[in-house]
PDB file of N, CA and C in Angstrom:
ATOM      1  N   MET A   1      93.555  -4.771 -38.909  1.00  0.00           N
ATOM      2  CA  MET A   1      93.787  -6.174 -39.134  1.00  0.00           C
ATOM      3  C   MET A   1      94.440  -6.771 -37.897  1.00  0.00           C
ATOM      4  N   LYS A   2      94.122  -8.025 -37.646  1.00  0.00           N
ATOM      5  CA  LYS A   2      94.679  -8.740 -36.507  1.00  0.00           C
ATOM      6  C   LYS A   2      95.726  -9.738 -36.986  1.00  0.00           C
ATOM      7  N   SER A   3      96.731  -9.947 -36.188  1.00  0.00           N
ATOM      8  CA  SER A   3      97.730 -10.966 -36.473  1.00  0.00           C
ATOM      9  C   SER A   3      97.293 -12.236 -35.768  1.00  0.00           C
ATOM     10  N   LEU A   4      97.211 -13.329 -36.501  1.00  0.00           N
ATOM     11  CA  LEU A   4      96.714 -14.575 -35.933  1.00  0.00           C
ATOM     12  C   LEU A   4      97.732 -15.690 -36.078  1.00  0.00           C
ATOM     13  N   ARG A   5      97.813 -16.530 -35.070  1.00  0.00           N
ATOM     14  CA  ARG A   5      98.728 -17.669 -35.098  1.00  0.00           C
ATOM     15  C   ARG A   5      97.963 -18.857 -35.652  1.00  0.00           C
ATOM     16  N   LEU A   6      98.449 -19.474 -36.701  1.00  0.00           N
ATOM     17  CA  LEU A   6      97.785 -20.601 -37.334  1.00  0.00           C
ATOM     18  C   LEU A   6      98.405 -21.903 -36.863  1.00  0.00           C
ATOM     19  N   ALA A   7      97.921 -22.457 -35.774  1.00  0.00           N
ATOM     20  CA  ALA A   7      98.283 -23.782 -35.262  1.00  0.00           C
ATOM     21  C   ALA A   7      99.701 -24.218 -35.623  1.00  0.00           C
ATOM     22  N   GLY A   8     100.673 -23.489 -35.154  1.00  0.00           N
ATOM     23  CA  GLY A   8     102.056 -23.868 -35.372  1.00  0.00           C
ATOM     24  C   GLY A   8     102.633 -23.385 -36.700  1.00  0.00           C
ATOM     25  N   LEU A   9     101.815 -22.772 -37.544  1.00  0.00           N
ATOM     26  CA  LEU A   9     102.296 -22.253 -38.810  1.00  0.00           C
ATOM     27  C   LEU A   9     102.709 -20.799 -38.627  1.00  0.00           C
ATOM     28  N   ALA A  10     103.203 -20.200 -39.655  1.00  0.00           N
ATOM     29  CA  ALA A  10     103.637 -18.809 -39.584  1.00  0.00           C
ATOM     30  C   ALA A  10     102.463 -17.903 -39.259  1.00  0.00           C
ATOM     31  N   THR A  11     102.743 -16.805 -38.613  1.00  0.00           N
ATOM     32  CA  THR A  11     101.726 -15.808 -38.318  1.00  0.00           C
ATOM     33  C   THR A  11     101.395 -15.059 -39.598  1.00  0.00           C
ATOM     34  N   MET A  12     100.093 -14.804 -39.825  1.00  0.00           N
ATOM     35  CA  MET A  12      99.712 -14.056 -41.015  1.00  0.00           C
ATOM     36  C   MET A  12      98.637 -13.035 -40.678  1.00  0.00           C
ATOM     37  N   MET A  13      98.518 -12.015 -41.491  1.00  0.00           N
ATOM     38  CA  MET A  13      97.520 -10.976 -41.283  1.00  0.00           C
ATOM     39  C   MET A  13      96.246 -11.350 -42.020  1.00  0.00           C
ATOM     40  N   ILE A  14      95.116 -11.281 -41.313  1.00  0.00           N
ATOM     41  CA  ILE A  14      93.830 -11.637 -41.904  1.00  0.00           C
ATOM     42  C   ILE A  14      92.842 -10.523 -41.589  1.00  0.00           C
ATOM     43  N   ALA A  15      92.228  -9.975 -42.626  1.00  0.00           N
ATOM     44  CA  ALA A  15      91.267  -8.890 -42.450  1.00  0.00           C
ATOM     45  C   ALA A  15      89.939  -9.438 -41.962  1.00  0.00           C
ATOM     46  N   GLY A  16      89.246  -8.664 -41.164  1.00  0.00           N
ATOM     47  CA  GLY A  16      87.892  -8.996 -40.758  1.00  0.00           C
ATOM     48  C   GLY A  16      87.799 -10.046 -39.663  1.00  0.00           C
ATOM     49  N   VAL A  17      88.878 -10.328 -38.959  1.00  0.00           N
ATOM     50  CA  VAL A  17      88.867 -11.350 -37.924  1.00  0.00           C
ATOM     51  C   VAL A  17      89.036 -10.678 -36.578  1.00  0.00           C
ATOM     52  N   THR A  18      88.201 -11.061 -35.602  1.00  0.00           N
ATOM     53  CA  THR A  18      88.277 -10.430 -34.299  1.00  0.00           C
ATOM     54  C   THR A  18      88.834 -11.343 -33.229  1.00  0.00           C
ATOM     55  N   GLY A  19      89.007 -12.623 -33.508  1.00  0.00           N
ATOM     56  CA  GLY A  19      89.509 -13.572 -32.518  1.00  0.00           C
ATOM     57  C   GLY A  19      91.004 -13.468 -32.339  1.00  0.00           C
ATOM     58  N   ALA A  20      91.510 -14.143 -31.301  1.00  0.00           N
ATOM     59  CA  ALA A  20      92.930 -14.109 -31.019  1.00  0.00           C
ATOM     60  C   ALA A  20      93.680 -15.245 -31.690  1.00  0.00           C
ATOM     61  N   SER A  21      92.964 -16.300 -32.059  1.00  0.00           N
ATOM     62  CA  SER A  21      93.659 -17.407 -32.705  1.00  0.00           C
ATOM     63  C   SER A  21      92.711 -18.168 -33.609  1.00  0.00           C
ATOM     64  N   ILE A  22      93.300 -18.907 -34.531  1.00  0.00           N
ATOM     65  CA  ILE A  22      92.549 -19.764 -35.434  1.00  0.00           C
ATOM     66  C   ILE A  22      93.106 -21.162 -35.263  1.00  0.00           C
ATOM     67  N   ILE A  23      92.241 -22.130 -35.112  1.00  0.00           N
ATOM     68  CA  ILE A  23      92.676 -23.511 -35.017  1.00  0.00           C
ATOM     69  C   ILE A  23      92.285 -24.208 -36.310  1.00  0.00           C
ATOM     70  N   LEU A  24      93.255 -24.780 -36.995  1.00  0.00           N
ATOM     71  CA  LEU A  24      92.966 -25.518 -38.217  1.00  0.00           C
ATOM     72  C   LEU A  24      92.334 -26.850 -37.842  1.00  0.00           C
ATOM     73  N   SER A  25      91.283 -27.237 -38.523  1.00  0.00           N
ATOM     74  CA  SER A  25      90.618 -28.501 -38.244  1.00  0.00           C
ATOM     75  C   SER A  25      91.353 -29.640 -38.925  1.00  0.00           C
ATOM     76  N   ASP A  26      90.941 -30.870 -38.604  1.00  0.00           N
ATOM     77  CA  ASP A  26      91.505 -32.032 -39.278  1.00  0.00           C
ATOM     78  C   ASP A  26      91.245 -31.947 -40.770  1.00  0.00           C
ATOM     79  N   ALA A  27      90.169 -31.272 -41.141  1.00  0.00           N
ATOM     80  CA  ALA A  27      89.828 -31.121 -42.553  1.00  0.00           C
ATOM     81  C   ALA A  27      90.820 -30.221 -43.286  1.00  0.00           C
ATOM     82  N   ALA A  28      91.710 -29.564 -42.529  1.00  0.00           N
ATOM     83  CA  ALA A  28      92.700 -28.699 -43.165  1.00  0.00           C
ATOM     84  C   ALA A  28      93.570 -29.486 -44.129  1.00  0.00           C
ATOM     85  N   GLU A  29      93.710 -30.779 -43.867  1.00  0.00           N
ATOM     86  CA  GLU A  29      94.464 -31.621 -44.797  1.00  0.00           C
ATOM     87  C   GLU A  29      93.762 -31.690 -46.142  1.00  0.00           C
ATOM     88  N   ALA A  30      92.458 -31.416 -46.147  1.00  0.00           N
ATOM     89  CA  ALA A  30      91.665 -31.453 -47.374  1.00  0.00           C
ATOM     90  C   ALA A  30      91.560 -30.064 -47.997  1.00  0.00           C
ATOM     91  N   ALA A  31      92.536 -29.205 -47.738  1.00  0.00           N
ATOM     92  CA  ALA A  31      92.535 -27.863 -48.323  1.00  0.00           C
ATOM     93  C   ALA A  31      92.465 -27.980 -49.837  1.00  0.00           C
ATOM     94  N   GLN A  32      91.781 -27.042 -50.440  1.00  0.00           N
ATOM     95  CA  GLN A  32      91.618 -27.029 -51.891  1.00  0.00           C
ATOM     96  C   GLN A  32      92.295 -25.807 -52.482  1.00  0.00           C
ATOM     97  N   THR A  33      92.803 -25.975 -53.672  1.00  0.00           N
ATOM     98  CA  THR A  33      93.326 -24.860 -54.433  1.00  0.00           C
ATOM     99  C   THR A  33      92.597 -24.852 -55.770  1.00  0.00           C
ATOM    100  N   GLY A  34      92.137 -23.690 -56.171  1.00  0.00           N
ATOM    101  CA  GLY A  34      91.423 -23.567 -57.433  1.00  0.00           C
ATOM    102  C   GLY A  34      90.953 -22.142 -57.617  1.00  0.00           C
ATOM    103  N   MET A  35      90.069 -21.977 -58.563  1.00  0.00           N
ATOM    104  CA  MET A  35      89.584 -20.638 -58.885  1.00  0.00           C
ATOM    105  C   MET A  35      88.382 -20.266 -58.020  1.00  0.00           C
ATOM    106  N   ALA A  36      88.348 -19.016 -57.613  1.00  0.00           N
ATOM    107  CA  ALA A  36      87.221 -18.456 -56.875  1.00  0.00           C
ATOM    108  C   ALA A  36      86.585 -17.367 -57.718  1.00  0.00           C
ATOM    109  N   SER A  37      85.298 -17.193 -57.533  1.00  0.00           N
ATOM    110  CA  SER A  37      84.571 -16.093 -58.147  1.00  0.00           C
ATOM    111  C   SER A  37      83.712 -15.484 -57.049  1.00  0.00           C
ATOM    112  N   TYR A  38      82.916 -14.492 -57.410  1.00  0.00           N
ATOM    113  CA  TYR A  38      82.045 -13.894 -56.399  1.00  0.00           C
ATOM    114  C   TYR A  38      80.688 -13.600 -57.003  1.00  0.00           C
ATOM    115  N   TYR A  39      79.718 -13.434 -56.103  1.00  0.00           N
ATOM    116  CA  TYR A  39      78.384 -13.058 -56.546  1.00  0.00           C
ATOM    117  C   TYR A  39      77.833 -12.009 -55.602  1.00  0.00           C
ATOM    118  N   LYS A  40      76.937 -11.176 -56.152  1.00  0.00           N
ATOM    119  CA  LYS A  40      76.446 -10.053 -55.365  1.00  0.00           C
ATOM    120  C   LYS A  40      74.936  -9.927 -55.352  1.00  0.00           C
ATOM    121  N   SER A  41      74.253 -10.889 -55.944  1.00  0.00           N
ATOM    122  CA  SER A  41      72.792 -10.819 -55.899  1.00  0.00           C
ATOM    123  C   SER A  41      72.209 -12.185 -55.612  1.00  0.00           C
ATOM    124  N   GLY A  42      71.032 -12.182 -55.095  1.00  0.00           N
ATOM    125  CA  GLY A  42      70.334 -13.404 -54.739  1.00  0.00           C
ATOM    126  C   GLY A  42      69.372 -13.115 -53.607  1.00  0.00           C
ATOM    127  N   ARG A  43      68.370 -13.914 -53.491  1.00  0.00           N
ATOM    128  CA  ARG A  43      67.372 -13.696 -52.443  1.00  0.00           C
ATOM    129  C   ARG A  43      67.600 -14.616 -51.250  1.00  0.00           C
ATOM    130  N   ARG A  44      67.665 -15.887 -51.502  1.00  0.00           N
ATOM    131  CA  ARG A  44      67.866 -16.883 -50.455  1.00  0.00           C
ATOM    132  C   ARG A  44      69.032 -17.782 -50.835  1.00  0.00           C
ATOM    133  N   THR A  45      69.756 -18.211 -49.825  1.00  0.00           N
ATOM    134  CA  THR A  45      70.842 -19.157 -50.065  1.00  0.00           C
ATOM    135  C   THR A  45      70.281 -20.573 -49.944  1.00  0.00           C
ATOM    136  N   ALA A  46      71.058 -21.558 -50.312  1.00  0.00           N
ATOM    137  CA  ALA A  46      70.625 -22.949 -50.214  1.00  0.00           C
ATOM    138  C   ALA A  46      70.361 -23.357 -48.766  1.00  0.00           C
ATOM    139  N   SER A  47      70.963 -22.665 -47.809  1.00  0.00           N
ATOM    140  CA  SER A  47      70.722 -22.957 -46.394  1.00  0.00           C
ATOM    141  C   SER A  47      69.432 -22.331 -45.892  1.00  0.00           C
ATOM    142  N   GLY A  48      68.789 -21.506 -46.715  1.00  0.00           N
ATOM    143  CA  GLY A  48      67.549 -20.846 -46.327  1.00  0.00           C
ATOM    144  C   GLY A  48      67.734 -19.430 -45.822  1.00  0.00           C
ATOM    145  N   GLU A  49      68.972 -19.015 -45.620  1.00  0.00           N
ATOM    146  CA  GLU A  49      69.240 -17.653 -45.151  1.00  0.00           C
ATOM    147  C   GLU A  49      69.012 -16.651 -46.272  1.00  0.00           C
ATOM    148  N   ARG A  50      68.714 -15.414 -45.886  1.00  0.00           N
ATOM    149  CA  ARG A  50      68.659 -14.328 -46.852  1.00  0.00           C
ATOM    150  C   ARG A  50      70.087 -13.987 -47.257  1.00  0.00           C
ATOM    151  N   PHE A  51      70.347 -13.836 -48.541  1.00  0.00           N
ATOM    152  CA  PHE A  51      71.676 -13.500 -49.019  1.00  0.00           C
ATOM    153  C   PHE A  51      72.001 -12.058 -48.678  1.00  0.00           C
ATOM    154  N   VAL A  52      73.178 -11.834 -48.100  1.00  0.00           N
ATOM    155  CA  VAL A  52      73.660 -10.497 -47.762  1.00  0.00           C
ATOM    156  C   VAL A  52      74.964 -10.285 -48.530  1.00  0.00           C
ATOM    157  N   ALA A  53      74.900  -9.461 -49.567  1.00  0.00           N
ATOM    158  CA  ALA A  53      76.056  -9.274 -50.452  1.00  0.00           C
ATOM    159  C   ALA A  53      77.294  -8.789 -49.711  1.00  0.00           C
ATOM    160  N   GLY A  54      77.129  -7.936 -48.717  1.00  0.00           N
ATOM    161  CA  GLY A  54      78.266  -7.375 -47.999  1.00  0.00           C
ATOM    162  C   GLY A  54      78.812  -8.268 -46.906  1.00  0.00           C
ATOM    163  N   GLY A  55      78.188  -9.406 -46.676  1.00  0.00           N
ATOM    164  CA  GLY A  55      78.628 -10.312 -45.614  1.00  0.00           C
ATOM    165  C   GLY A  55      79.852 -11.120 -45.996  1.00  0.00           C
ATOM    166  N   TYR A  56      80.343 -11.867 -45.027  1.00  0.00           N
ATOM    167  CA  TYR A  56      81.491 -12.753 -45.251  1.00  0.00           C
ATOM    168  C   TYR A  56      80.985 -14.176 -45.308  1.00  0.00           C
ATOM    169  N   THR A  57      80.355 -14.501 -46.436  1.00  0.00           N
ATOM    170  CA  THR A  57      79.803 -15.833 -46.642  1.00  0.00           C
ATOM    171  C   THR A  57      80.260 -16.346 -47.996  1.00  0.00           C
ATOM    172  N   ALA A  58      79.984 -17.642 -48.241  1.00  0.00           N
ATOM    173  CA  ALA A  58      80.430 -18.236 -49.495  1.00  0.00           C
ATOM    174  C   ALA A  58      79.591 -19.455 -49.842  1.00  0.00           C
ATOM    175  N   ALA A  59      79.690 -19.830 -51.110  1.00  0.00           N
ATOM    176  CA  ALA A  59      79.059 -21.045 -51.611  1.00  0.00           C
ATOM    177  C   ALA A  59      80.146 -22.071 -51.900  1.00  0.00           C
ATOM    178  N   HIS A  60      79.907 -23.305 -51.473  1.00  0.00           N
ATOM    179  CA  HIS A  60      80.822 -24.416 -51.730  1.00  0.00           C
ATOM    180  C   HIS A  60      79.978 -25.637 -52.054  1.00  0.00           C
ATOM    181  N   ARG A  61      80.482 -26.495 -52.920  1.00  0.00           N
ATOM    182  CA  ARG A  61      79.692 -27.654 -53.359  1.00  0.00           C
ATOM    183  C   ARG A  61      79.443 -28.676 -52.271  1.00  0.00           C
ATOM    184  N   THR A  62      80.430 -28.936 -51.404  1.00  0.00           N
ATOM    185  CA  THR A  62      80.308 -30.074 -50.485  1.00  0.00           C
ATOM    186  C   THR A  62      80.470 -29.773 -49.005  1.00  0.00           C
ATOM    187  N   LEU A  63      81.127 -28.693 -48.625  1.00  0.00           N
ATOM    188  CA  LEU A  63      81.326 -28.419 -47.202  1.00  0.00           C
ATOM    189  C   LEU A  63      79.982 -28.171 -46.519  1.00  0.00           C
ATOM    190  N   PRO A  64      79.819 -28.647 -45.289  1.00  0.00           N
ATOM    191  CA  PRO A  64      78.557 -28.446 -44.570  1.00  0.00           C
ATOM    192  C   PRO A  64      78.267 -26.962 -44.327  1.00  0.00           C
ATOM    193  N   PHE A  65      76.982 -26.609 -44.327  1.00  0.00           N
ATOM    194  CA  PHE A  65      76.595 -25.242 -43.994  1.00  0.00           C
ATOM    195  C   PHE A  65      77.119 -24.924 -42.598  1.00  0.00           C
ATOM    196  N   GLY A  66      77.593 -23.695 -42.425  1.00  0.00           N
ATOM    197  CA  GLY A  66      78.126 -23.264 -41.143  1.00  0.00           C
ATOM    198  C   GLY A  66      79.634 -23.435 -41.023  1.00  0.00           C
ATOM    199  N   THR A  67      80.243 -24.204 -41.915  1.00  0.00           N
ATOM    200  CA  THR A  67      81.697 -24.386 -41.883  1.00  0.00           C
ATOM    201  C   THR A  67      82.382 -23.060 -42.167  1.00  0.00           C
ATOM    202  N   ARG A  68      83.362 -22.724 -41.367  1.00  0.00           N
ATOM    203  CA  ARG A  68      84.159 -21.524 -41.609  1.00  0.00           C
ATOM    204  C   ARG A  68      85.427 -21.957 -42.342  1.00  0.00           C
ATOM    205  N   VAL A  69      85.775 -21.179 -43.352  1.00  0.00           N
ATOM    206  CA  VAL A  69      86.969 -21.482 -44.134  1.00  0.00           C
ATOM    207  C   VAL A  69      87.828 -20.242 -44.296  1.00  0.00           C
ATOM    208  N   LEU A  70      89.125 -20.469 -44.352  1.00  0.00           N
ATOM    209  CA  LEU A  70      90.081 -19.412 -44.622  1.00  0.00           C
ATOM    210  C   LEU A  70      90.343 -19.439 -46.119  1.00  0.00           C
ATOM    211  N   VAL A  71      90.053 -18.334 -46.787  1.00  0.00           N
ATOM    212  CA  VAL A  71      90.258 -18.231 -48.231  1.00  0.00           C
ATOM    213  C   VAL A  71      91.390 -17.239 -48.468  1.00  0.00           C
ATOM    214  N   THR A  72      92.438 -17.693 -49.164  1.00  0.00           N
ATOM    215  CA  THR A  72      93.603 -16.855 -49.440  1.00  0.00           C
ATOM    216  C   THR A  72      93.779 -16.694 -50.937  1.00  0.00           C
ATOM    217  N   ASN A  73      93.825 -15.445 -51.383  1.00  0.00           N
ATOM    218  CA  ASN A  73      94.096 -15.131 -52.776  1.00  0.00           C
ATOM    219  C   ASN A  73      95.587 -15.372 -52.995  1.00  0.00           C
ATOM    220  N   LEU A  74      95.928 -16.329 -53.841  1.00  0.00           N
ATOM    221  CA  LEU A  74      97.322 -16.707 -54.031  1.00  0.00           C
ATOM    222  C   LEU A  74      98.127 -15.676 -54.820  1.00  0.00           C
ATOM    223  N   ARG A  75      97.454 -14.771 -55.492  1.00  0.00           N
ATOM    224  CA  ARG A  75      98.158 -13.741 -56.248  1.00  0.00           C
ATOM    225  C   ARG A  75      98.671 -12.626 -55.338  1.00  0.00           C
ATOM    226  N   ASN A  76      97.854 -12.226 -54.351  1.00  0.00           N
ATOM    227  CA  ASN A  76      98.254 -11.096 -53.513  1.00  0.00           C
ATOM    228  C   ASN A  76      98.426 -11.449 -52.033  1.00  0.00           C
ATOM    229  N   GLY A  77      98.123 -12.684 -51.635  1.00  0.00           N
ATOM    230  CA  GLY A  77      98.312 -13.122 -50.259  1.00  0.00           C
ATOM    231  C   GLY A  77      97.241 -12.664 -49.284  1.00  0.00           C
ATOM    232  N   ARG A  78      96.236 -11.937 -49.751  1.00  0.00           N
ATOM    233  CA  ARG A  78      95.176 -11.446 -48.859  1.00  0.00           C
ATOM    234  C   ARG A  78      94.198 -12.567 -48.530  1.00  0.00           C
ATOM    235  N   SER A  79      93.749 -12.606 -47.261  1.00  0.00           N
ATOM    236  CA  SER A  79      92.886 -13.680 -46.778  1.00  0.00           C
ATOM    237  C   SER A  79      91.644 -13.145 -46.097  1.00  0.00           C
ATOM    238  N   VAL A  80      90.626 -13.994 -46.038  1.00  0.00           N
ATOM    239  CA  VAL A  80      89.396 -13.682 -45.327  1.00  0.00           C
ATOM    240  C   VAL A  80      88.808 -14.990 -44.814  1.00  0.00           C
ATOM    241  N   ILE A  81      88.108 -14.906 -43.691  1.00  0.00           N
ATOM    242  CA  ILE A  81      87.384 -16.067 -43.175  1.00  0.00           C
ATOM    243  C   ILE A  81      85.917 -15.878 -43.524  1.00  0.00           C
ATOM    244  N   VAL A  82      85.339 -16.906 -44.154  1.00  0.00           N
ATOM    245  CA  VAL A  82      83.930 -16.861 -44.544  1.00  0.00           C
ATOM    246  C   VAL A  82      83.209 -18.080 -43.981  1.00  0.00           C
ATOM    247  N   ARG A  83      81.894 -17.965 -43.927  1.00  0.00           N
ATOM    248  CA  ARG A  83      81.041 -19.067 -43.479  1.00  0.00           C
ATOM    249  C   ARG A  83      80.277 -19.601 -44.678  1.00  0.00           C
ATOM    250  N   ILE A  84      80.282 -20.915 -44.848  1.00  0.00           N
ATOM    251  CA  ILE A  84      79.567 -21.543 -45.960  1.00  0.00           C
ATOM    252  C   ILE A  84      78.072 -21.538 -45.658  1.00  0.00           C
ATOM    253  N   ASN A  85      77.291 -20.915 -46.550  1.00  0.00           N
ATOM    254  CA  ASN A  85      75.841 -20.891 -46.369  1.00  0.00           C
ATOM    255  C   ASN A  85      75.081 -21.121 -47.672  1.00  0.00           C
ATOM    256  N   ASP A  86      75.799 -21.498 -48.732  1.00  0.00           N
ATOM    257  CA  ASP A  86      75.156 -21.678 -50.026  1.00  0.00           C
ATOM    258  C   ASP A  86      75.879 -22.784 -50.794  1.00  0.00           C
ATOM    259  N   ARG A  87      75.266 -23.241 -51.882  1.00  0.00           N
ATOM    260  CA  ARG A  87      75.861 -24.261 -52.746  1.00  0.00           C
ATOM    261  C   ARG A  87      76.332 -23.635 -54.045  1.00  0.00           C
ATOM    262  N   GLY A  88      77.382 -24.181 -54.575  1.00  0.00           N
ATOM    263  CA  GLY A  88      77.994 -23.692 -55.797  1.00  0.00           C
ATOM    264  C   GLY A  88      79.485 -23.699 -55.590  1.00  0.00           C
ATOM    265  N   PRO A  89      80.271 -23.199 -56.454  1.00  0.00           N
ATOM    266  CA  PRO A  89      79.929 -22.677 -57.769  1.00  0.00           C
ATOM    267  C   PRO A  89      79.618 -23.817 -58.737  1.00  0.00           C
ATOM    268  N   PHE A  90      78.931 -23.486 -59.795  1.00  0.00           N
ATOM    269  CA  PHE A  90      78.500 -24.484 -60.756  1.00  0.00           C
ATOM    270  C   PHE A  90      79.230 -24.360 -62.086  1.00  0.00           C
ATOM    271  N   ILE A  91      80.410 -23.757 -62.041  1.00  0.00           N
ATOM    272  CA  ILE A  91      81.264 -23.620 -63.226  1.00  0.00           C
ATOM    273  C   ILE A  91      82.506 -24.471 -62.992  1.00  0.00           C
ATOM    274  N   ARG A  92      82.810 -25.324 -63.942  1.00  0.00           N
ATOM    275  CA  ARG A  92      83.945 -26.245 -63.825  1.00  0.00           C
ATOM    276  C   ARG A  92      85.241 -25.496 -63.488  1.00  0.00           C
ATOM    277  N   GLY A  93      85.994 -26.052 -62.561  1.00  0.00           N
ATOM    278  CA  GLY A  93      87.274 -25.475 -62.172  1.00  0.00           C
ATOM    279  C   GLY A  93      87.208 -24.495 -61.021  1.00  0.00           C
ATOM    280  N   ARG A  94      86.030 -24.064 -60.662  1.00  0.00           N
ATOM    281  CA  ARG A  94      85.889 -23.132 -59.535  1.00  0.00           C
ATOM    282  C   ARG A  94      85.596 -23.912 -58.265  1.00  0.00           C
ATOM    283  N   VAL A  95      86.231 -23.503 -57.164  1.00  0.00           N
ATOM    284  CA  VAL A  95      86.071 -24.228 -55.905  1.00  0.00           C
ATOM    285  C   VAL A  95      85.203 -23.498 -54.894  1.00  0.00           C
ATOM    286  N   ILE A  96      85.045 -22.180 -55.050  1.00  0.00           N
ATOM    287  CA  ILE A  96      84.256 -21.411 -54.094  1.00  0.00           C
ATOM    288  C   ILE A  96      83.738 -20.145 -54.757  1.00  0.00           C
ATOM    289  N   ASP A  97      82.537 -19.734 -54.360  1.00  0.00           N
ATOM    290  CA  ASP A  97      81.957 -18.446 -54.750  1.00  0.00           C
ATOM    291  C   ASP A  97      81.861 -17.606 -53.488  1.00  0.00           C
ATOM    292  N   LEU A  98      82.488 -16.451 -53.472  1.00  0.00           N
ATOM    293  CA  LEU A  98      82.464 -15.566 -52.312  1.00  0.00           C
ATOM    294  C   LEU A  98      81.372 -14.526 -52.450  1.00  0.00           C
ATOM    295  N   SER A  99      80.850 -14.062 -51.320  1.00  0.00           N
ATOM    296  CA  SER A  99      79.956 -12.912 -51.352  1.00  0.00           C
ATOM    297  C   SER A  99      80.789 -11.693 -51.738  1.00  0.00           C
ATOM    298  N   LEU A 100      80.129 -10.647 -52.180  1.00  0.00           N
ATOM    299  CA  LEU A 100      80.820  -9.434 -52.601  1.00  0.00           C
ATOM    300  C   LEU A 100      81.712  -8.880 -51.492  1.00  0.00           C
ATOM    301  N   GLY A 101      81.211  -8.864 -50.262  1.00  0.00           N
ATOM    302  CA  GLY A 101      81.999  -8.340 -49.137  1.00  0.00           C
ATOM    303  C   GLY A 101      83.305  -9.085 -48.950  1.00  0.00           C
ATOM    304  N   ALA A 102      83.260 -10.412 -49.006  1.00  0.00           N
ATOM    305  CA  ALA A 102      84.466 -11.220 -48.848  1.00  0.00           C
ATOM    306  C   ALA A 102      85.394 -11.047 -50.046  1.00  0.00           C
ATOM    307  N   ALA A 103      84.816 -10.943 -51.238  1.00  0.00           N
ATOM    308  CA  ALA A 103      85.619 -10.768 -52.453  1.00  0.00           C
ATOM    309  C   ALA A 103      86.410  -9.463 -52.407  1.00  0.00           C
ATOM    310  N   LYS A 104      85.816  -8.416 -51.851  1.00  0.00           N
ATOM    311  CA  LYS A 104      86.514  -7.136 -51.726  1.00  0.00           C
ATOM    312  C   LYS A 104      87.732  -7.265 -50.810  1.00  0.00           C
ATOM    313  N   VAL A 105      87.586  -8.019 -49.725  1.00  0.00           N
ATOM    314  CA  VAL A 105      88.689  -8.169 -48.772  1.00  0.00           C
ATOM    315  C   VAL A 105      89.899  -8.837 -49.416  1.00  0.00           C
ATOM    316  N   VAL A 106      89.669  -9.854 -50.246  1.00  0.00           N
ATOM    317  CA  VAL A 106      90.798 -10.570 -50.852  1.00  0.00           C
ATOM    318  C   VAL A 106      91.224  -9.996 -52.200  1.00  0.00           C
ATOM    319  N   GLY A 107      90.569  -8.928 -52.644  1.00  0.00           N
ATOM    320  CA  GLY A 107      90.972  -8.267 -53.885  1.00  0.00           C
ATOM    321  C   GLY A 107      90.544  -9.004 -55.138  1.00  0.00           C
ATOM    322  N   LEU A 108      89.335  -9.528 -55.114  1.00  0.00           N
ATOM    323  CA  LEU A 108      88.837 -10.346 -56.219  1.00  0.00           C
ATOM    324  C   LEU A 108      87.898  -9.591 -57.153  1.00  0.00           C
ATOM    325  N   THR A 109      87.415  -8.430 -56.745  1.00  0.00           N
ATOM    326  CA  THR A 109      86.367  -7.763 -57.519  1.00  0.00           C
ATOM    327  C   THR A 109      86.865  -7.161 -58.830  1.00  0.00           C
ATOM    328  N   GLY A 110      88.123  -6.826 -58.920  1.00  0.00           N
ATOM    329  CA  GLY A 110      88.635  -6.261 -60.167  1.00  0.00           C
ATOM    330  C   GLY A 110      88.688  -7.271 -61.284  1.00  0.00           C
ATOM    331  N   SER A 111      89.234  -8.428 -60.991  1.00  0.00           N
ATOM    332  CA  SER A 111      89.394  -9.466 -62.012  1.00  0.00           C
ATOM    333  C   SER A 111      88.158 -10.362 -62.133  1.00  0.00           C
ATOM    334  N   GLY A 112      87.392 -10.472 -61.058  1.00  0.00           N
ATOM    335  CA  GLY A 112      86.210 -11.337 -61.066  1.00  0.00           C
ATOM    336  C   GLY A 112      86.498 -12.771 -60.676  1.00  0.00           C
ATOM    337  N   VAL A 113      87.707 -13.216 -60.932  1.00  0.00           N
ATOM    338  CA  VAL A 113      88.133 -14.559 -60.534  1.00  0.00           C
ATOM    339  C   VAL A 113      89.593 -14.497 -60.094  1.00  0.00           C
ATOM    340  N   ALA A 114      89.992 -15.441 -59.240  1.00  0.00           N
ATOM    341  CA  ALA A 114      91.386 -15.515 -58.808  1.00  0.00           C
ATOM    342  C   ALA A 114      91.660 -16.911 -58.290  1.00  0.00           C
ATOM    343  N   LYS A 115      92.904 -17.314 -58.362  1.00  0.00           N
ATOM    344  CA  LYS A 115      93.309 -18.596 -57.806  1.00  0.00           C
ATOM    345  C   LYS A 115      93.429 -18.428 -56.297  1.00  0.00           C
ATOM    346  N   VAL A 116      92.789 -19.336 -55.554  1.00  0.00           N
ATOM    347  CA  VAL A 116      92.758 -19.244 -54.097  1.00  0.00           C
ATOM    348  C   VAL A 116      93.071 -20.597 -53.465  1.00  0.00           C
ATOM    349  N   LYS A 117      93.399 -20.514 -52.179  1.00  0.00           N
ATOM    350  CA  LYS A 117      93.500 -21.702 -51.360  1.00  0.00           C
ATOM    351  C   LYS A 117      92.375 -21.614 -50.334  1.00  0.00           C
ATOM    352  N   VAL A 118      91.632 -22.709 -50.172  1.00  0.00           N
ATOM    353  CA  VAL A 118      90.494 -22.775 -49.258  1.00  0.00           C
ATOM    354  C   VAL A 118      90.831 -23.800 -48.175  1.00  0.00           C
ATOM    355  N   VAL A 119      90.906 -23.340 -46.908  1.00  0.00           N
ATOM    356  CA  VAL A 119      91.251 -24.214 -45.797  1.00  0.00           C
ATOM    357  C   VAL A 119      90.116 -24.200 -44.774  1.00  0.00           C
ATOM    358  N   PRO A 120      89.450 -25.337 -44.532  1.00  0.00           N
ATOM    359  CA  PRO A 120      88.419 -25.399 -43.494  1.00  0.00           C
ATOM    360  C   PRO A 120      89.035 -25.146 -42.122  1.00  0.00           C
ATOM    361  N   LEU A 121      88.326 -24.433 -41.260  1.00  0.00           N
ATOM    362  CA  LEU A 121      88.773 -24.121 -39.907  1.00  0.00           C
ATOM    363  C   LEU A 121      87.914 -24.877 -38.904  1.00  0.00           C
ATOM    364  N   GLU A 122      88.451 -25.040 -37.697  1.00  0.00           N
ATOM    365  CA  GLU A 122      87.711 -25.711 -36.627  1.00  0.00           C
ATOM    366  C   GLU A 122      86.825 -24.714 -35.917  1.00  0.00           C
TER     367      GLU A 122
END
């Protein structure tokens, strides 16, 4: 795991990140908190890409395809950066659907759902 400096915020450990720093975008003010779930099957995403269950991707209702977001499980503090490439979730109260690979990083696969914070990155 790499230690990353979050634009003047406290340093935190994030799994699966190879860069030296993360810059929060202006959209960071629009961070969302809500329930996350995960999915592990599918053929094509709404962006047209082939779905890869082990990848670090996610579905979000409104963020543009290609947007990278920091997703933090509020129960255990574990985080992952994913790229939005699909639409959803379509269940009320859920803010993001993670691929299986990303869900494993944040410790979501046991419970199936968890309260998370979703912060768009620049």
